[in-house]
Amino acid sequence: MKYILWIFLGFILSACYQKGLEVNQNKLDTIIIGKSTQEDVEKIIGHPVRKTNIGNKEIWYYDFTRITSLPGFDKDESTVFEFNKKGVVVKKYKTQGSGNGNPLLN
């Protein structure tokens, strides 16, 4: 009976869809506004999922989506870094995701 429970629990936890790159709080905290550069961000977190230029800023997005079979463990977020012309971080934040519109995340 004990083994059946472990097998069932393993199946439940493995029934998961995941896409993108999750940025945990520890990594986010190592990026210093006004000091860290694009190279620093790429070394610590990796290559961004997407990039955009708006005005004088380059914006990097690290989108992450996880859908599980367990309620409360789903996640849809984007970690965003804004850089000035010199490639230095001027802003960092998390948003409510990439807006993929998946009804399982609402």
PDB file of N, CA and C in Angstrom:
ATOM      1  N   MET A   1       0.823  -1.196   0.000  1.00  0.00           N
ATOM      2  CA  MET A   1       0.000   0.000   0.000  1.00  0.00           C
ATOM      3  C   MET A   1       0.865   1.258   0.000  1.00  0.00           C
ATOM      4  N   LYS A   2       1.949   1.203   0.773  1.00  0.00           N
ATOM      5  CA  LYS A   2       2.853   2.342   0.873  1.00  0.00           C
ATOM      6  C   LYS A   2       3.465   2.685  -0.494  1.00  0.00           C
ATOM      7  N   TYR A   3       3.842   1.639  -1.249  1.00  0.00           N
ATOM      8  CA  TYR A   3       4.455   1.865  -2.557  1.00  0.00           C
ATOM      9  C   TYR A   3       3.450   2.440  -3.558  1.00  0.00           C
ATOM     10  N   ILE A   4       2.212   1.989  -3.458  1.00  0.00           N
ATOM     11  CA  ILE A   4       1.176   2.502  -4.352  1.00  0.00           C
ATOM     12  C   ILE A   4       0.965   3.996  -4.108  1.00  0.00           C
ATOM     13  N   LEU A   5       0.977   4.402  -2.848  1.00  0.00           N
ATOM     14  CA  LEU A   5       0.831   5.815  -2.511  1.00  0.00           C
ATOM     15  C   LEU A   5       1.979   6.636  -3.093  1.00  0.00           C
ATOM     16  N   TRP A   6       3.208   6.143  -2.970  1.00  0.00           N
ATOM     17  CA  TRP A   6       4.373   6.858  -3.514  1.00  0.00           C
ATOM     18  C   TRP A   6       4.319   6.937  -5.040  1.00  0.00           C
ATOM     19  N   ILE A   7       3.894   5.874  -5.671  1.00  0.00           N
ATOM     20  CA  ILE A   7       3.768   5.872  -7.134  1.00  0.00           C
ATOM     21  C   ILE A   7       2.691   6.882  -7.564  1.00  0.00           C
ATOM     22  N   PHE A   8       1.570   6.875  -6.870  1.00  0.00           N
ATOM     23  CA  PHE A   8       0.488   7.814  -7.182  1.00  0.00           C
ATOM     24  C   PHE A   8       0.942   9.257  -6.979  1.00  0.00           C
ATOM     25  N   LEU A   9       1.611   9.523  -5.865  1.00  0.00           N
ATOM     26  CA  LEU A   9       2.113  10.869  -5.590  1.00  0.00           C
ATOM     27  C   LEU A   9       3.127  11.295  -6.651  1.00  0.00           C
ATOM     28  N   GLY A  10       4.011  10.404  -7.042  1.00  0.00           N
ATOM     29  CA  GLY A  10       4.978  10.707  -8.103  1.00  0.00           C
ATOM     30  C   GLY A  10       4.298  11.024  -9.418  1.00  0.00           C
ATOM     31  N   PHE A  11       3.253  10.288  -9.739  1.00  0.00           N
ATOM     32  CA  PHE A  11       2.507  10.536 -10.966  1.00  0.00           C
ATOM     33  C   PHE A  11       1.839  11.901 -10.926  1.00  0.00           C
ATOM     34  N   ILE A  12       1.223  12.232  -9.813  1.00  0.00           N
ATOM     35  CA  ILE A  12       0.537  13.528  -9.664  1.00  0.00           C
ATOM     36  C   ILE A  12       1.541  14.666  -9.831  1.00  0.00           C
ATOM     37  N   LEU A  13       2.683  14.560  -9.177  1.00  0.00           N
ATOM     38  CA  LEU A  13       3.670  15.639  -9.225  1.00  0.00           C
ATOM     39  C   LEU A  13       4.345  15.744 -10.582  1.00  0.00           C
ATOM     40  N   SER A  14       4.440  14.651 -11.301  1.00  0.00           N
ATOM     41  CA  SER A  14       5.108  14.697 -12.598  1.00  0.00           C
ATOM     42  C   SER A  14       4.166  15.148 -13.714  1.00  0.00           C
ATOM     43  N   ALA A  15       2.871  15.147 -13.465  1.00  0.00           N
ATOM     44  CA  ALA A  15       1.897  15.590 -14.462  1.00  0.00           C
ATOM     45  C   ALA A  15       1.926  17.113 -14.510  1.00  0.00           C
ATOM     46  N   CYS A  16       2.887  17.633 -15.244  1.00  0.00           N
ATOM     47  CA  CYS A  16       3.152  19.070 -15.204  1.00  0.00           C
ATOM     48  C   CYS A  16       3.594  19.556 -16.579  1.00  0.00           C
ATOM     49  N   TYR A  17       3.116  20.721 -16.946  1.00  0.00           N
ATOM     50  CA  TYR A  17       3.577  21.402 -18.153  1.00  0.00           C
ATOM     51  C   TYR A  17       4.400  22.592 -17.697  1.00  0.00           C
ATOM     52  N   GLN A  18       5.572  22.744 -18.276  1.00  0.00           N
ATOM     53  CA  GLN A  18       6.432  23.857 -17.878  1.00  0.00           C
ATOM     54  C   GLN A  18       7.109  24.426 -19.120  1.00  0.00           C
ATOM     55  N   LYS A  19       7.155  25.763 -19.189  1.00  0.00           N
ATOM     56  CA  LYS A  19       7.769  26.425 -20.339  1.00  0.00           C
ATOM     57  C   LYS A  19       8.457  27.698 -19.861  1.00  0.00           C
ATOM     58  N   GLY A  20       9.623  27.983 -20.408  1.00  0.00           N
ATOM     59  CA  GLY A  20      10.332  29.210 -20.086  1.00  0.00           C
ATOM     60  C   GLY A  20      11.375  29.010 -19.009  1.00  0.00           C
ATOM     61  N   LEU A  21      11.776  30.120 -18.422  1.00  0.00           N
ATOM     62  CA  LEU A  21      12.842  30.125 -17.427  1.00  0.00           C
ATOM     63  C   LEU A  21      12.361  30.815 -16.160  1.00  0.00           C
ATOM     64  N   GLU A  22      12.299  30.065 -15.069  1.00  0.00           N
ATOM     65  CA  GLU A  22      11.871  30.633 -13.793  1.00  0.00           C
ATOM     66  C   GLU A  22      13.050  31.312 -13.116  1.00  0.00           C
ATOM     67  N   VAL A  23      12.854  32.552 -12.691  1.00  0.00           N
ATOM     68  CA  VAL A  23      13.884  33.309 -11.984  1.00  0.00           C
ATOM     69  C   VAL A  23      13.480  33.361 -10.518  1.00  0.00           C
ATOM     70  N   ASN A  24      14.251  32.687  -9.662  1.00  0.00           N
ATOM     71  CA  ASN A  24      13.906  32.694  -8.237  1.00  0.00           C
ATOM     72  C   ASN A  24      14.375  33.994  -7.576  1.00  0.00           C
ATOM     73  N   GLN A  25      13.886  34.222  -6.375  1.00  0.00           N
ATOM     74  CA  GLN A  25      14.161  35.477  -5.665  1.00  0.00           C
ATOM     75  C   GLN A  25      15.645  35.652  -5.359  1.00  0.00           C
ATOM     76  N   ASN A  26      16.355  34.558  -5.076  1.00  0.00           N
ATOM     77  CA  ASN A  26      17.795  34.661  -4.790  1.00  0.00           C
ATOM     78  C   ASN A  26      18.566  35.217  -5.985  1.00  0.00           C
ATOM     79  N   LYS A  27      18.251  34.716  -7.176  1.00  0.00           N
ATOM     80  CA  LYS A  27      18.918  35.232  -8.376  1.00  0.00           C
ATOM     81  C   LYS A  27      18.529  36.681  -8.636  1.00  0.00           C
ATOM     82  N   LEU A  28      17.252  36.987  -8.445  1.00  0.00           N
ATOM     83  CA  LEU A  28      16.780  38.359  -8.653  1.00  0.00           C
ATOM     84  C   LEU A  28      17.501  39.323  -7.707  1.00  0.00           C
ATOM     85  N   ASP A  29      17.716  38.897  -6.472  1.00  0.00           N
ATOM     86  CA  ASP A  29      18.373  39.747  -5.478  1.00  0.00           C
ATOM     87  C   ASP A  29      19.844  40.013  -5.788  1.00  0.00           C
ATOM     88  N   THR A  30      20.493  39.144  -6.570  1.00  0.00           N
ATOM     89  CA  THR A  30      21.914  39.357  -6.899  1.00  0.00           C
ATOM     90  C   THR A  30      22.102  40.420  -7.976  1.00  0.00           C
ATOM     91  N   ILE A  31      21.031  40.772  -8.675  1.00  0.00           N
ATOM     92  CA  ILE A  31      21.100  41.812  -9.706  1.00  0.00           C
ATOM     93  C   ILE A  31      20.883  43.158  -9.024  1.00  0.00           C
ATOM     94  N   ILE A  32      21.867  44.044  -9.126  1.00  0.00           N
ATOM     95  CA  ILE A  32      21.847  45.337  -8.434  1.00  0.00           C
ATOM     96  C   ILE A  32      21.493  46.451  -9.423  1.00  0.00           C
ATOM     97  N   ILE A  33      20.428  47.190  -9.104  1.00  0.00           N
ATOM     98  CA  ILE A  33      20.023  48.326  -9.941  1.00  0.00           C
ATOM     99  C   ILE A  33      21.122  49.386  -9.903  1.00  0.00           C
ATOM    100  N   GLY A  34      21.483  49.888 -11.086  1.00  0.00           N
ATOM    101  CA  GLY A  34      22.510  50.919 -11.196  1.00  0.00           C
ATOM    102  C   GLY A  34      23.934  50.374 -11.228  1.00  0.00           C
ATOM    103  N   LYS A  35      24.098  49.073 -11.049  1.00  0.00           N
ATOM    104  CA  LYS A  35      25.430  48.482 -11.033  1.00  0.00           C
ATOM    105  C   LYS A  35      25.564  47.287 -11.974  1.00  0.00           C
ATOM    106  N   SER A  36      24.611  46.357 -11.918  1.00  0.00           N
ATOM    107  CA  SER A  36      24.690  45.141 -12.736  1.00  0.00           C
ATOM    108  C   SER A  36      24.496  45.485 -14.217  1.00  0.00           C
ATOM    109  N   THR A  37      25.193  44.750 -15.065  1.00  0.00           N
ATOM    110  CA  THR A  37      25.132  44.971 -16.507  1.00  0.00           C
ATOM    111  C   THR A  37      24.399  43.820 -17.196  1.00  0.00           C
ATOM    112  N   GLN A  38      24.202  43.969 -18.499  1.00  0.00           N
ATOM    113  CA  GLN A  38      23.579  42.900 -19.281  1.00  0.00           C
ATOM    114  C   GLN A  38      24.386  41.614 -19.183  1.00  0.00           C
ATOM    115  N   GLU A  39      25.707  41.737 -19.202  1.00  0.00           N
ATOM    116  CA  GLU A  39      26.566  40.558 -19.057  1.00  0.00           C
ATOM    117  C   GLU A  39      26.341  39.878 -17.722  1.00  0.00           C
ATOM    118  N   ASP A  40      26.211  40.665 -16.657  1.00  0.00           N
ATOM    119  CA  ASP A  40      25.963  40.106 -15.323  1.00  0.00           C
ATOM    120  C   ASP A  40      24.650  39.324 -15.299  1.00  0.00           C
ATOM    121  N   VAL A  41      23.603  39.922 -15.859  1.00  0.00           N
ATOM    122  CA  VAL A  41      22.285  39.286 -15.863  1.00  0.00           C
ATOM    123  C   VAL A  41      22.344  37.980 -16.644  1.00  0.00           C
ATOM    124  N   GLU A  42      23.012  38.001 -17.788  1.00  0.00           N
ATOM    125  CA  GLU A  42      23.096  36.795 -18.607  1.00  0.00           C
ATOM    126  C   GLU A  42      23.912  35.703 -17.917  1.00  0.00           C
ATOM    127  N   LYS A  43      24.964  36.077 -17.191  1.00  0.00           N
ATOM    128  CA  LYS A  43      25.758  35.086 -16.451  1.00  0.00           C
ATOM    129  C   LYS A  43      24.959  34.471 -15.305  1.00  0.00           C
ATOM    130  N   ILE A  44      24.188  35.290 -14.609  1.00  0.00           N
ATOM    131  CA  ILE A  44      23.460  34.826 -13.425  1.00  0.00           C
ATOM    132  C   ILE A  44      22.187  34.068 -13.794  1.00  0.00           C
ATOM    133  N   ILE A  45      21.446  34.560 -14.782  1.00  0.00           N
ATOM    134  CA  ILE A  45      20.134  33.997 -15.088  1.00  0.00           C
ATOM    135  C   ILE A  45      20.118  33.213 -16.397  1.00  0.00           C
ATOM    136  N   GLY A  46      20.853  33.681 -17.376  1.00  0.00           N
ATOM    137  CA  GLY A  46      20.839  33.033 -18.678  1.00  0.00           C
ATOM    138  C   GLY A  46      20.302  33.970 -19.739  1.00  0.00           C
ATOM    139  N   HIS A  47      20.200  33.448 -20.945  1.00  0.00           N
ATOM    140  CA  HIS A  47      19.736  34.248 -22.081  1.00  0.00           C
ATOM    141  C   HIS A  47      18.238  34.532 -21.923  1.00  0.00           C
ATOM    142  N   PRO A  48      17.810  35.782 -22.151  1.00  0.00           N
ATOM    143  CA  PRO A  48      16.384  36.109 -21.997  1.00  0.00           C
ATOM    144  C   PRO A  48      15.521  35.415 -23.044  1.00  0.00           C
ATOM    145  N   VAL A  49      14.278  35.182 -22.680  1.00  0.00           N
ATOM    146  CA  VAL A  49      13.316  34.557 -23.581  1.00  0.00           C
ATOM    147  C   VAL A  49      12.979  35.511 -24.724  1.00  0.00           C
ATOM    148  N   ARG A  50      12.883  36.797 -24.407  1.00  0.00           N
ATOM    149  CA  ARG A  50      12.610  37.813 -25.437  1.00  0.00           C
ATOM    150  C   ARG A  50      13.205  39.150 -25.013  1.00  0.00           C
ATOM    151  N   LYS A  51      13.435  39.995 -26.032  1.00  0.00           N
ATOM    152  CA  LYS A  51      13.998  41.333 -25.814  1.00  0.00           C
ATOM    153  C   LYS A  51      13.170  42.347 -26.589  1.00  0.00           C
ATOM    154  N   THR A  52      13.119  43.582 -26.048  1.00  0.00           N
ATOM    155  CA  THR A  52      12.399  44.673 -26.701  1.00  0.00           C
ATOM    156  C   THR A  52      13.171  45.963 -26.477  1.00  0.00           C
ATOM    157  N   ASN A  53      13.087  46.881 -27.423  1.00  0.00           N
ATOM    158  CA  ASN A  53      13.645  48.220 -27.258  1.00  0.00           C
ATOM    159  C   ASN A  53      12.496  49.215 -27.220  1.00  0.00           C
ATOM    160  N   ILE A  54      12.456  50.023 -26.153  1.00  0.00           N
ATOM    161  CA  ILE A  54      11.450  51.067 -26.022  1.00  0.00           C
ATOM    162  C   ILE A  54      12.177  52.351 -25.638  1.00  0.00           C
ATOM    163  N   GLY A  55      12.125  53.337 -26.522  1.00  0.00           N
ATOM    164  CA  GLY A  55      12.850  54.581 -26.272  1.00  0.00           C
ATOM    165  C   GLY A  55      14.335  54.307 -26.148  1.00  0.00           C
ATOM    166  N   ASN A  56      14.916  54.765 -25.051  1.00  0.00           N
ATOM    167  CA  ASN A  56      16.349  54.572 -24.815  1.00  0.00           C
ATOM    168  C   ASN A  56      16.646  53.332 -23.982  1.00  0.00           C
ATOM    169  N   LYS A  57      15.639  52.497 -23.753  1.00  0.00           N
ATOM    170  CA  LYS A  57      15.819  51.325 -22.903  1.00  0.00           C
ATOM    171  C   LYS A  57      15.743  50.032 -23.694  1.00  0.00           C
ATOM    172  N   GLU A  58      16.555  49.068 -23.285  1.00  0.00           N
ATOM    173  CA  GLU A  58      16.420  47.698 -23.779  1.00  0.00           C
ATOM    174  C   GLU A  58      15.799  46.897 -22.641  1.00  0.00           C
ATOM    175  N   ILE A  59      14.780  46.134 -22.963  1.00  0.00           N
ATOM    176  CA  ILE A  59      14.043  45.391 -21.943  1.00  0.00           C
ATOM    177  C   ILE A  59      14.156  43.899 -22.234  1.00  0.00           C
ATOM    178  N   TRP A  60      14.555  43.164 -21.188  1.00  0.00           N
ATOM    179  CA  TRP A  60      14.681  41.711 -21.283  1.00  0.00           C
ATOM    180  C   TRP A  60      13.582  41.061 -20.466  1.00  0.00           C
ATOM    181  N   TYR A  61      12.980  40.009 -21.042  1.00  0.00           N
ATOM    182  CA  TYR A  61      11.906  39.276 -20.376  1.00  0.00           C
ATOM    183  C   TYR A  61      12.307  37.815 -20.189  1.00  0.00           C
ATOM    184  N   TYR A  62      12.061  37.323 -19.010  1.00  0.00           N
ATOM    185  CA  TYR A  62      12.227  35.908 -18.701  1.00  0.00           C
ATOM    186  C   TYR A  62      10.843  35.381 -18.343  1.00  0.00           C
ATOM    187  N   ASP A  63      10.140  34.839 -19.345  1.00  0.00           N
ATOM    188  CA  ASP A  63       8.783  34.344 -19.161  1.00  0.00           C
ATOM    189  C   ASP A  63       8.833  32.925 -18.595  1.00  0.00           C
ATOM    190  N   PHE A  64       7.876  32.626 -17.730  1.00  0.00           N
ATOM    191  CA  PHE A  64       7.805  31.293 -17.144  1.00  0.00           C
ATOM    192  C   PHE A  64       6.347  30.911 -16.911  1.00  0.00           C
ATOM    193  N   THR A  65       5.987  29.698 -17.343  1.00  0.00           N
ATOM    194  CA  THR A  65       4.654  29.157 -17.120  1.00  0.00           C
ATOM    195  C   THR A  65       4.787  27.728 -16.614  1.00  0.00           C
ATOM    196  N   ARG A  66       4.047  27.433 -15.551  1.00  0.00           N
ATOM    197  CA  ARG A  66       3.981  26.062 -15.035  1.00  0.00           C
ATOM    198  C   ARG A  66       2.517  25.745 -14.745  1.00  0.00           C
ATOM    199  N   ILE A  67       2.051  24.627 -15.295  1.00  0.00           N
ATOM    200  CA  ILE A  67       0.701  24.155 -15.033  1.00  0.00           C
ATOM    201  C   ILE A  67       0.829  22.750 -14.465  1.00  0.00           C
ATOM    202  N   THR A  68       0.301  22.552 -13.269  1.00  0.00           N
ATOM    203  CA  THR A  68       0.381  21.254 -12.607  1.00  0.00           C
ATOM    204  C   THR A  68      -1.015  20.673 -12.440  1.00  0.00           C
ATOM    205  N   SER A  69      -1.048  19.458 -11.969  1.00  0.00           N
ATOM    206  CA  SER A  69      -2.337  18.830 -11.684  1.00  0.00           C
ATOM    207  C   SER A  69      -2.796  19.126 -10.260  1.00  0.00           C
ATOM    208  N   LEU A  70      -1.979  19.858  -9.515  1.00  0.00           N
ATOM    209  CA  LEU A  70      -2.327  20.211  -8.139  1.00  0.00           C
ATOM    210  C   LEU A  70      -2.730  21.678  -8.057  1.00  0.00           C
ATOM    211  N   PRO A  71      -3.891  21.979  -7.505  1.00  0.00           N
ATOM    212  CA  PRO A  71      -4.314  23.377  -7.383  1.00  0.00           C
ATOM    213  C   PRO A  71      -3.348  24.185  -6.514  1.00  0.00           C
ATOM    214  N   GLY A  72      -3.093  25.411  -6.928  1.00  0.00           N
ATOM    215  CA  GLY A  72      -2.237  26.298  -6.140  1.00  0.00           C
ATOM    216  C   GLY A  72      -0.763  26.258  -6.512  1.00  0.00           C
ATOM    217  N   PHE A  73      -0.362  25.362  -7.396  1.00  0.00           N
ATOM    218  CA  PHE A  73       1.044  25.266  -7.780  1.00  0.00           C
ATOM    219  C   PHE A  73       1.292  25.798  -9.187  1.00  0.00           C
ATOM    220  N   ASP A  74       0.246  26.275  -9.849  1.00  0.00           N
ATOM    221  CA  ASP A  74       0.406  26.854 -11.187  1.00  0.00           C
ATOM    222  C   ASP A  74       1.062  28.225 -11.066  1.00  0.00           C
ATOM    223  N   LYS A  75       1.800  28.594 -12.095  1.00  0.00           N
ATOM    224  CA  LYS A  75       2.486  29.885 -12.078  1.00  0.00           C
ATOM    225  C   LYS A  75       2.608  30.400 -13.500  1.00  0.00           C
ATOM    226  N   ASP A  76       2.355  31.690 -13.678  1.00  0.00           N
ATOM    227  CA  ASP A  76       2.541  32.365 -14.960  1.00  0.00           C
ATOM    228  C   ASP A  76       3.101  33.743 -14.642  1.00  0.00           C
ATOM    229  N   GLU A  77       4.387  33.932 -14.888  1.00  0.00           N
ATOM    230  CA  GLU A  77       5.022  35.196 -14.539  1.00  0.00           C
ATOM    231  C   GLU A  77       6.123  35.535 -15.527  1.00  0.00           C
ATOM    232  N   SER A  78       6.481  36.788 -15.542  1.00  0.00           N
ATOM    233  CA  SER A  78       7.638  37.261 -16.302  1.00  0.00           C
ATOM    234  C   SER A  78       8.511  38.061 -15.355  1.00  0.00           C
ATOM    235  N   THR A  79       9.808  37.805 -15.425  1.00  0.00           N
ATOM    236  CA  THR A  79      10.771  38.621 -14.708  1.00  0.00           C
ATOM    237  C   THR A  79      11.359  39.562 -15.743  1.00  0.00           C
ATOM    238  N   VAL A  80      11.359  40.856 -15.435  1.00  0.00           N
ATOM    239  CA  VAL A  80      11.715  41.873 -16.418  1.00  0.00           C
ATOM    240  C   VAL A  80      12.897  42.700 -15.922  1.00  0.00           C
ATOM    241  N   PHE A  81      13.847  42.945 -16.827  1.00  0.00           N
ATOM    242  CA  PHE A  81      14.981  43.821 -16.542  1.00  0.00           C
ATOM    243  C   PHE A  81      15.022  44.912 -17.595  1.00  0.00           C
ATOM    244  N   GLU A  82      15.140  46.160 -17.146  1.00  0.00           N
ATOM    245  CA  GLU A  82      15.270  47.294 -18.056  1.00  0.00           C
ATOM    246  C   GLU A  82      16.688  47.828 -17.952  1.00  0.00           C
ATOM    247  N   PHE A  83      17.313  48.078 -19.113  1.00  0.00           N
ATOM    248  CA  PHE A  83      18.692  48.550 -19.182  1.00  0.00           C
ATOM    249  C   PHE A  83      18.753  49.913 -19.853  1.00  0.00           C
ATOM    250  N   ASN A  84      19.685  50.756 -19.418  1.00  0.00           N
ATOM    251  CA  ASN A  84      19.910  52.037 -20.080  1.00  0.00           C
ATOM    252  C   ASN A  84      20.806  51.835 -21.302  1.00  0.00           C
ATOM    253  N   LYS A  85      21.185  52.940 -21.965  1.00  0.00           N
ATOM    254  CA  LYS A  85      22.018  52.874 -23.171  1.00  0.00           C
ATOM    255  C   LYS A  85      23.353  52.187 -22.921  1.00  0.00           C
ATOM    256  N   LYS A  86      23.871  52.297 -21.695  1.00  0.00           N
ATOM    257  CA  LYS A  86      25.173  51.708 -21.357  1.00  0.00           C
ATOM    258  C   LYS A  86      25.067  50.237 -20.970  1.00  0.00           C
ATOM    259  N   GLY A  87      23.843  49.695 -20.965  1.00  0.00           N
ATOM    260  CA  GLY A  87      23.660  48.286 -20.636  1.00  0.00           C
ATOM    261  C   GLY A  87      23.632  48.001 -19.148  1.00  0.00           C
ATOM    262  N   VAL A  88      23.311  49.021 -18.338  1.00  0.00           N
ATOM    263  CA  VAL A  88      23.233  48.878 -16.889  1.00  0.00           C
ATOM    264  C   VAL A  88      21.767  48.761 -16.475  1.00  0.00           C
ATOM    265  N   VAL A  89      21.486  47.880 -15.532  1.00  0.00           N
ATOM    266  CA  VAL A  89      20.114  47.668 -15.055  1.00  0.00           C
ATOM    267  C   VAL A  89      19.598  48.939 -14.376  1.00  0.00           C
ATOM    268  N   VAL A  90      18.435  49.420 -14.842  1.00  0.00           N
ATOM    269  CA  VAL A  90      17.808  50.585 -14.214  1.00  0.00           C
ATOM    270  C   VAL A  90      16.513  50.210 -13.507  1.00  0.00           C
ATOM    271  N   LYS A  91      15.989  49.013 -13.810  1.00  0.00           N
ATOM    272  CA  LYS A  91      14.752  48.569 -13.182  1.00  0.00           C
ATOM    273  C   LYS A  91      14.644  47.050 -13.302  1.00  0.00           C
ATOM    274  N   LYS A  92      14.090  46.410 -12.266  1.00  0.00           N
ATOM    275  CA  LYS A  92      13.838  44.968 -12.303  1.00  0.00           C
ATOM    276  C   LYS A  92      12.532  44.696 -11.563  1.00  0.00           C
ATOM    277  N   TYR A  93      11.737  43.769 -12.096  1.00  0.00           N
ATOM    278  CA  TYR A  93      10.452  43.480 -11.468  1.00  0.00           C
ATOM    279  C   TYR A  93       9.849  42.211 -12.054  1.00  0.00           C
ATOM    280  N   LYS A  94       8.813  41.711 -11.389  1.00  0.00           N
ATOM    281  CA  LYS A  94       8.051  40.566 -11.873  1.00  0.00           C
ATOM    282  C   LYS A  94       6.655  41.042 -12.260  1.00  0.00           C
ATOM    283  N   THR A  95       6.114  40.438 -13.313  1.00  0.00           N
ATOM    284  CA  THR A  95       4.758  40.756 -13.751  1.00  0.00           C
ATOM    285  C   THR A  95       3.917  39.485 -13.729  1.00  0.00           C
ATOM    286  N   GLN A  96       2.660  39.634 -14.032  1.00  0.00           N
ATOM    287  CA  GLN A  96       1.723  38.520 -14.011  1.00  0.00           C
ATOM    288  C   GLN A  96       1.857  37.601 -15.211  1.00  0.00           C
ATOM    289  N   GLY A  97       2.930  37.599 -15.900  1.00  0.00           N
ATOM    290  CA  GLY A  97       3.147  36.614 -16.946  1.00  0.00           C
ATOM    291  C   GLY A  97       3.056  37.142 -18.346  1.00  0.00           C
ATOM    292  N   SER A  98       3.174  36.204 -19.248  1.00  0.00           N
ATOM    293  CA  SER A  98       3.248  36.532 -20.658  1.00  0.00           C
ATOM    294  C   SER A  98       1.881  36.682 -21.302  1.00  0.00           C
ATOM    295  N   GLY A  99       0.823  36.516 -20.520  1.00  0.00           N
ATOM    296  CA  GLY A  99      -0.516  36.691 -21.055  1.00  0.00           C
ATOM    297  C   GLY A  99      -0.901  35.616 -22.047  1.00  0.00           C
ATOM    298  N   ASN A 100      -0.508  34.373 -21.763  1.00  0.00           N
ATOM    299  CA  ASN A 100      -0.800  33.300 -22.710  1.00  0.00           C
ATOM    300  C   ASN A 100      -2.267  32.913 -22.743  1.00  0.00           C
ATOM    301  N   GLY A 101      -3.067  33.411 -21.814  1.00  0.00           N
ATOM    302  CA  GLY A 101      -4.505  33.203 -21.843  1.00  0.00           C
ATOM    303  C   GLY A 101      -4.944  31.779 -21.552  1.00  0.00           C
ATOM    304  N   ASN A 102      -4.112  30.962 -20.942  1.00  0.00           N
ATOM    305  CA  ASN A 102      -4.488  29.604 -20.616  1.00  0.00           C
ATOM    306  C   ASN A 102      -5.508  29.607 -19.490  1.00  0.00           C
ATOM    307  N   PRO A 103      -6.683  29.040 -19.678  1.00  0.00           N
ATOM    308  CA  PRO A 103      -7.733  29.078 -18.649  1.00  0.00           C
ATOM    309  C   PRO A 103      -7.344  28.329 -17.373  1.00  0.00           C
ATOM    310  N   LEU A 104      -6.381  27.428 -17.443  1.00  0.00           N
ATOM    311  CA  LEU A 104      -5.955  26.710 -16.242  1.00  0.00           C
ATOM    312  C   LEU A 104      -5.190  27.602 -15.280  1.00  0.00           C
ATOM    313  N   LEU A 105      -4.734  28.754 -15.752  1.00  0.00           N
ATOM    314  CA  LEU A 105      -3.950  29.664 -14.900  1.00  0.00           C
ATOM    315  C   LEU A 105      -4.794  30.749 -14.266  1.00  0.00           C
ATOM    316  N   ASN A 106      -6.055  30.822 -14.594  1.00  0.00           N
ATOM    317  CA  ASN A 106      -6.926  31.870 -14.031  1.00  0.00           C
ATOM    318  C   ASN A 106      -7.575  31.435 -12.753  1.00  0.00           C
TER     319      ASN A 106
END
